[in-house]
Amino acid sequence: MRGTISRRRALALAAVGLGLVALVVLLGRGGGGRRAGTTASAAAAVQLPRGGRTLLPRTRVVAFYGAPQDTELGALGIGSPAHAARRLERVAAPYRHLGRPVVPAMELLADVANAAPGRDGLYMSRQTDGVIRRYLDAARAHKQLLILDIQPGHADFFGEATRLEKWLREPDVSLALDPEWHTPGGIPGQIIGSVDAREVNAISFWLERLVKRRDLPQKLLLVHRFTPGMIKGTVKRRRRVAVTINVDGFGTRVVKRAKYQSFAHQHPRGVFDGFKLFFKEDTRIFRPSQLRVFRPVPDVIVYE
């Protein structure tokens, strides 16, 4: 399994700072999509992209993870947002046979951890509104969710989450936390980070209040994990927020399944289960039908 950060991913992180500058110029010019805070109709403002107001456990979410700065950061960054959305549809379709409606989702790195400190010393870069809007427009065109992922570097998760509030007010935008890349006192890619469950619970409480105040559909809060100490403490369940522990890390089928089964029984009842698959790094990647024998069957599947 992944005991240390792969050299390839670490090198990709080092390049992100330069790639982001060029991407801002390219993607920021479009501006043709809807702005945050606007919706196609009043009905769309209170519904999920494929109908209803509850994500989990009613549906199963299948996501692509990544950022457009570098294809090494994940599947979502390969090609244009529209290209990624079409490919995601094809990958997600077989999951219908596991017994629930499928909701495809784009997990965009809204904060990308960097190997260099940058001017602010936070070891991360933030996507511009133009980049996020491009992915939101593509997600909406294909009736998919957008999940904004936070790799905070030396920043704190709560501050970065609240900074994204204008996007999270939208009914089709959710949130993910990437504790691996929360490394205050260390360099992302050289050490493995973590998060205190109290911060996760504060974020889920804040997010639930936002959902209630604006009468939004249930949101997803995805928290990545591949070591026992990556989440310190107990994560709480929420009624209006589908808190999900996503078991991360690449490796062989036997090791990945064993780790998933172990972590899936360590959190409270009512917290949902996710599983991450790697197109490149996994040894004989699981097919959708093979996840049927997992106990529990994952509620969320993320591809990197």
Protein backbone atom coordinates (compact mmCIF):
# COMPACT_ATOMS: atom_id res chain seq x y z
CA MET A 1 0.00 0.00 0.00
CA ARG A 2 1.03 3.56 -0.07
CA GLY A 3 3.38 4.00 2.89
CA THR A 4 5.07 7.06 1.40
CA ILE A 5 4.04 9.60 -1.17
CA SER A 6 4.92 8.46 -4.69
CA ARG A 7 7.82 10.28 -6.30
CA ARG A 8 5.72 10.89 -9.38
CA ARG A 9 2.95 12.68 -7.46
CA ALA A 10 5.47 14.70 -5.47
CA LEU A 11 7.06 15.93 -8.69
CA ALA A 12 3.63 16.79 -10.05
CA LEU A 13 2.96 18.91 -6.97
CA ALA A 14 6.21 20.79 -7.48
CA ALA A 15 5.07 21.75 -10.97
CA VAL A 16 1.61 22.93 -9.99
CA GLY A 17 2.68 26.41 -8.91
CA LEU A 18 3.92 27.20 -12.43
CA GLY A 19 1.10 25.37 -14.20
CA LEU A 20 -1.58 27.27 -12.32
CA VAL A 21 -0.40 30.62 -13.65
CA ALA A 22 -0.71 29.47 -17.25
CA LEU A 23 -4.04 27.80 -16.62
CA VAL A 24 -5.56 30.92 -15.11
CA VAL A 25 -4.84 32.77 -18.35
CA LEU A 26 -6.31 30.04 -20.54
CA LEU A 27 -9.41 29.13 -18.55
CA GLY A 28 -10.16 32.53 -17.07
CA ARG A 29 -10.89 34.03 -20.50
CA GLY A 30 -14.03 32.01 -21.21
CA GLY A 31 -16.48 33.35 -18.66
CA GLY A 32 -19.37 32.13 -20.73
CA GLY A 33 -21.00 29.96 -18.07
CA ARG A 34 -23.40 30.83 -15.28
CA ARG A 35 -21.97 32.61 -12.28
CA ALA A 36 -22.08 31.16 -8.80
CA GLY A 37 -25.38 31.99 -7.17
CA THR A 38 -27.42 31.55 -10.36
CA THR A 39 -29.54 28.61 -11.40
CA ALA A 40 -31.50 27.61 -14.46
CA SER A 41 -34.82 27.70 -12.61
CA ALA A 42 -36.32 27.78 -9.16
CA ALA A 43 -36.85 24.02 -9.34
CA ALA A 44 -33.15 23.40 -10.07
CA ALA A 45 -32.21 25.35 -6.94
CA VAL A 46 -33.76 22.73 -4.66
CA GLN A 47 -32.99 19.51 -6.55
CA LEU A 48 -29.93 17.38 -7.07
CA PRO A 49 -28.69 17.13 -10.68
CA ARG A 50 -30.58 13.89 -11.34
CA GLY A 51 -33.57 14.63 -9.14
CA GLY A 52 -34.41 14.23 -5.49
CA ARG A 53 -32.94 15.88 -2.42
CA THR A 54 -31.03 12.99 -0.82
CA LEU A 55 -27.70 11.67 -2.07
CA LEU A 56 -26.88 8.89 0.40
CA PRO A 57 -27.96 6.20 0.88
CA ARG A 58 -30.49 6.67 -1.95
CA THR A 59 -27.87 6.86 -4.72
CA ARG A 60 -24.27 5.82 -5.34
CA VAL A 61 -21.76 8.54 -6.24
CA VAL A 62 -19.00 7.77 -8.76
CA ALA A 63 -16.37 10.50 -9.12
CA PHE A 64 -13.27 11.50 -11.05
CA TYR A 65 -10.60 13.23 -8.94
CA GLY A 66 -7.96 15.69 -10.13
CA ALA A 67 -7.04 19.15 -11.35
CA PRO A 68 -6.25 20.61 -14.77
CA GLN A 69 -2.75 21.76 -13.80
CA ASP A 70 -1.26 18.29 -14.30
CA THR A 71 -2.66 14.98 -15.52
CA GLU A 72 -0.62 13.24 -12.80
CA LEU A 73 -2.99 14.75 -10.22
CA GLY A 74 -5.84 12.55 -11.38
CA ALA A 75 -8.31 11.50 -14.05
CA LEU A 76 -10.36 14.69 -13.90
CA GLY A 77 -7.46 16.73 -15.30
CA ILE A 78 -7.11 14.66 -18.46
CA GLY A 79 -8.58 16.63 -21.36
CA SER A 80 -11.13 19.42 -21.14
CA PRO A 81 -13.85 19.47 -18.45
CA ALA A 82 -16.39 18.36 -21.07
CA HIS A 83 -14.14 15.48 -22.15
CA ALA A 84 -13.71 14.39 -18.52
CA ALA A 85 -17.49 14.54 -17.99
CA ARG A 86 -18.14 12.25 -20.97
CA ARG A 87 -15.49 9.77 -19.87
CA LEU A 88 -16.89 9.82 -16.35
CA GLU A 89 -20.34 8.93 -17.69
CA ARG A 90 -18.92 5.82 -19.36
CA VAL A 91 -17.00 4.72 -16.24
CA ALA A 92 -19.96 5.35 -13.92
CA ALA A 93 -22.62 3.58 -16.02
CA PRO A 94 -21.83 -0.03 -14.93
CA TYR A 95 -22.37 0.89 -11.27
CA ARG A 96 -26.12 0.93 -11.96
CA HIS A 97 -25.96 -2.85 -11.66
CA LEU A 98 -25.02 -2.58 -7.96
CA GLY A 99 -28.59 -1.63 -7.16
CA ARG A 100 -28.89 2.16 -6.78
CA PRO A 101 -29.21 5.13 -9.13
CA VAL A 102 -25.76 6.50 -9.99
CA VAL A 103 -24.76 10.14 -9.63
CA PRO A 104 -21.46 10.99 -11.40
CA ALA A 105 -19.34 13.68 -9.75
CA MET A 106 -16.27 15.76 -10.58
CA GLU A 107 -13.95 16.07 -7.58
CA LEU A 108 -11.94 19.15 -8.49
CA LEU A 109 -8.93 20.14 -6.39
CA ALA A 110 -9.97 23.64 -5.37
CA ASP A 111 -6.84 23.95 -3.24
CA VAL A 112 -3.78 22.16 -4.65
CA ALA A 113 -0.94 21.38 -2.25
CA ASN A 114 2.48 22.48 -3.50
CA ALA A 115 6.05 21.45 -2.71
CA ALA A 116 7.04 25.15 -2.61
CA PRO A 117 5.77 27.63 0.02
CA GLY A 118 4.67 30.37 -2.35
CA ARG A 119 4.42 34.03 -1.39
CA ASP A 120 1.98 33.36 1.46
CA GLY A 121 3.99 30.42 2.85
CA LEU A 122 0.93 28.12 2.74
CA TYR A 123 2.36 25.49 0.36
CA MET A 124 -0.76 25.47 -1.77
CA SER A 125 -2.44 27.21 -4.71
CA ARG A 126 -6.11 28.09 -5.00
CA GLN A 127 -8.08 27.66 -8.20
CA THR A 128 -9.54 30.84 -9.63
CA ASP A 129 -13.28 31.36 -9.94
CA GLY A 130 -12.87 30.97 -13.69
CA VAL A 131 -11.48 27.45 -13.34
CA ILE A 132 -14.14 26.35 -10.87
CA ARG A 133 -16.87 27.84 -13.06
CA ARG A 134 -15.64 25.91 -16.11
CA TYR A 135 -15.93 22.62 -14.23
CA LEU A 136 -19.29 23.56 -12.72
CA ASP A 137 -20.64 24.38 -16.18
CA ALA A 138 -19.40 21.03 -17.53
CA ALA A 139 -20.88 19.18 -14.56
CA ARG A 140 -24.24 20.90 -15.04
CA ALA A 141 -24.27 20.17 -18.77
CA HIS A 142 -24.06 16.46 -17.91
CA LYS A 143 -26.21 16.55 -14.74
CA GLN A 144 -23.24 15.72 -12.53
CA LEU A 145 -22.15 16.92 -9.11
CA LEU A 146 -19.14 19.14 -8.54
CA ILE A 147 -17.13 18.33 -5.40
CA LEU A 148 -14.55 20.90 -4.33
CA ASP A 149 -11.56 19.19 -2.75
CA ILE A 150 -9.25 20.93 -0.27
CA GLN A 151 -5.54 20.07 -0.13
CA PRO A 152 -4.68 22.82 2.37
CA GLY A 153 -0.91 22.54 2.76
CA HIS A 154 -0.24 24.79 5.78
CA ALA A 155 -3.71 26.42 5.78
CA ASP A 156 -6.59 25.11 7.91
CA PHE A 157 -9.50 23.15 6.50
CA PHE A 158 -12.23 25.24 8.13
CA GLY A 159 -10.96 28.54 6.77
CA GLU A 160 -10.61 27.11 3.27
CA ALA A 161 -14.08 25.52 3.43
CA THR A 162 -15.78 28.77 4.42
CA ARG A 163 -13.87 30.57 1.65
CA LEU A 164 -15.75 28.32 -0.79
CA GLU A 165 -19.17 29.20 0.62
CA LYS A 166 -20.36 31.04 -2.48
CA TRP A 167 -19.98 27.80 -4.43
CA LEU A 168 -21.36 25.57 -1.68
CA ARG A 169 -24.57 27.59 -1.70
CA GLU A 170 -25.28 25.87 -5.02
CA PRO A 171 -27.45 22.70 -4.85
CA ASP A 172 -25.02 20.69 -7.01
CA VAL A 173 -21.73 21.55 -5.26
CA SER A 174 -20.29 19.49 -2.38
CA LEU A 175 -17.03 19.36 -0.43
CA ALA A 176 -14.05 17.03 0.12
CA LEU A 177 -11.16 17.17 2.58
CA ASP A 178 -7.74 15.67 1.74
CA PRO A 179 -5.89 15.26 5.08
CA GLU A 180 -2.89 13.64 3.39
CA TRP A 181 -1.97 17.11 2.16
CA HIS A 182 -2.54 18.99 5.44
CA THR A 183 1.06 19.30 6.62
CA PRO A 184 1.63 22.30 8.94
CA GLY A 185 5.29 22.22 9.91
CA GLY A 186 6.21 19.97 6.97
CA ILE A 187 6.34 19.95 3.18
CA PRO A 188 3.48 18.34 1.23
CA GLY A 189 4.73 15.28 -0.59
CA GLN A 190 7.49 14.66 1.96
CA ILE A 191 5.30 13.82 4.95
CA ILE A 192 1.78 12.42 5.28
CA GLY A 193 -0.66 14.85 6.83
CA SER A 194 -3.73 14.46 9.03
CA VAL A 195 -6.81 16.23 10.38
CA ASP A 196 -8.43 16.38 13.81
CA ALA A 197 -11.98 15.00 13.74
CA ARG A 198 -13.10 18.08 15.68
CA GLU A 199 -12.30 20.20 12.64
CA VAL A 200 -14.16 17.78 10.36
CA ASN A 201 -17.15 17.93 12.72
CA ALA A 202 -17.02 21.73 12.81
CA ILE A 203 -17.08 21.80 9.01
CA SER A 204 -19.96 19.31 8.76
CA PHE A 205 -21.92 21.33 11.35
CA TRP A 206 -21.29 24.57 9.43
CA LEU A 207 -22.20 22.88 6.14
CA GLU A 208 -25.41 21.45 7.61
CA ARG A 209 -26.44 24.91 8.83
CA LEU A 210 -25.82 26.25 5.32
CA VAL A 211 -27.99 23.49 3.83
CA LYS A 212 -30.78 24.15 6.31
CA ARG A 213 -30.64 27.94 6.03
CA ARG A 214 -30.81 27.90 2.23
CA ASP A 215 -33.13 24.86 1.94
CA LEU A 216 -30.60 22.94 -0.16
CA PRO A 217 -30.54 19.22 -0.98
CA GLN A 218 -28.27 16.99 1.09
CA LYS A 219 -24.57 17.63 0.50
CA LEU A 220 -21.65 15.24 0.44
CA LEU A 221 -18.67 15.77 2.76
CA LEU A 222 -15.95 13.38 1.61
CA VAL A 223 -12.94 12.85 3.89
CA HIS A 224 -10.01 10.91 2.42
CA ARG A 225 -8.07 8.45 4.57
CA PHE A 226 -5.45 5.73 4.07
CA THR A 227 -3.66 5.54 7.44
CA PRO A 228 -5.16 5.01 10.91
CA GLY A 229 -3.85 8.35 12.16
CA MET A 230 -4.99 10.41 9.19
CA ILE A 231 -8.23 11.27 11.02
CA LYS A 232 -7.62 11.80 14.72
CA GLY A 233 -10.77 11.19 16.73
CA THR A 234 -14.37 10.31 15.87
CA VAL A 235 -16.22 11.83 12.95
CA LYS A 236 -19.89 12.61 13.59
CA ARG A 237 -22.84 11.79 11.39
CA ARG A 238 -25.12 14.55 10.09
CA ARG A 239 -28.65 14.32 8.72
CA ARG A 240 -28.40 16.96 5.99
CA VAL A 241 -24.75 16.24 5.13
CA ALA A 242 -23.64 12.80 3.93
CA VAL A 243 -20.35 12.52 5.85
CA THR A 244 -18.28 9.86 4.06
CA ILE A 245 -14.88 8.36 4.86
CA ASN A 246 -13.19 7.61 1.56
CA VAL A 247 -10.57 4.86 1.89
CA ASP A 248 -7.66 6.06 -0.20
CA GLY A 249 -4.36 4.48 -1.21
CA PHE A 250 -3.23 2.26 -4.07
CA GLY A 251 -1.99 -1.32 -4.07
CA THR A 252 -3.07 -4.89 -4.69
CA ARG A 253 -6.67 -6.03 -4.57
CA VAL A 254 -6.13 -8.05 -1.39
CA VAL A 255 -4.52 -5.19 0.52
CA LYS A 256 -6.98 -2.56 -0.70
CA ARG A 257 -10.02 -4.64 0.21
CA ALA A 258 -8.63 -5.52 3.65
CA LYS A 259 -7.91 -1.87 4.42
CA TYR A 260 -11.36 -0.81 3.25
CA GLN A 261 -13.10 -3.46 5.36
CA SER A 262 -11.07 -2.41 8.40
CA PHE A 263 -11.74 1.33 8.11
CA ALA A 264 -15.41 0.81 7.19
CA HIS A 265 -16.10 -0.62 10.65
CA GLN A 266 -14.24 2.05 12.63
CA HIS A 267 -16.63 4.97 12.26
CA PRO A 268 -20.10 5.52 13.75
CA ARG A 269 -23.24 4.15 12.17
CA GLY A 270 -24.64 6.72 9.78
CA VAL A 271 -21.25 7.81 8.45
CA PHE A 272 -20.96 6.54 4.88
CA ASP A 273 -18.22 4.58 3.10
CA GLY A 274 -16.12 5.52 0.10
CA PHE A 275 -13.42 3.68 -1.86
CA LYS A 276 -10.75 5.12 -4.13
CA LEU A 277 -9.43 3.42 -7.25
CA PHE A 278 -6.32 4.37 -9.21
CA PHE A 279 -6.23 3.90 -12.97
CA LYS A 280 -2.42 3.78 -13.05
CA GLU A 281 -1.12 2.71 -9.64
CA ASP A 282 -3.56 -0.04 -8.61
CA THR A 283 -2.51 -3.61 -9.33
CA ARG A 284 -5.40 -5.06 -11.37
CA ILE A 285 -7.93 -2.35 -10.64
CA PHE A 286 -11.28 -3.54 -9.30
CA ARG A 287 -14.14 -3.69 -11.77
CA PRO A 288 -17.53 -2.33 -10.66
CA SER A 289 -19.07 -5.81 -10.40
CA GLN A 290 -16.29 -6.94 -8.05
CA LEU A 291 -17.26 -4.34 -5.44
CA ARG A 292 -20.56 -6.18 -4.92
CA VAL A 293 -18.87 -8.55 -2.44
CA PHE A 294 -17.49 -5.73 -0.28
CA ARG A 295 -19.12 -5.35 3.13
CA PRO A 296 -20.43 -2.74 3.10
CA VAL A 297 -20.60 -2.00 -0.62
CA PRO A 298 -19.06 1.50 -1.01
CA ASP A 299 -21.51 4.39 -1.20
CA VAL A 300 -18.96 6.54 -3.05
CA ILE A 301 -16.31 5.40 -5.54
CA VAL A 302 -13.59 7.84 -6.57
CA TYR A 303 -11.20 7.34 -9.49
CA GLU A 304 -7.81 9.05 -9.65
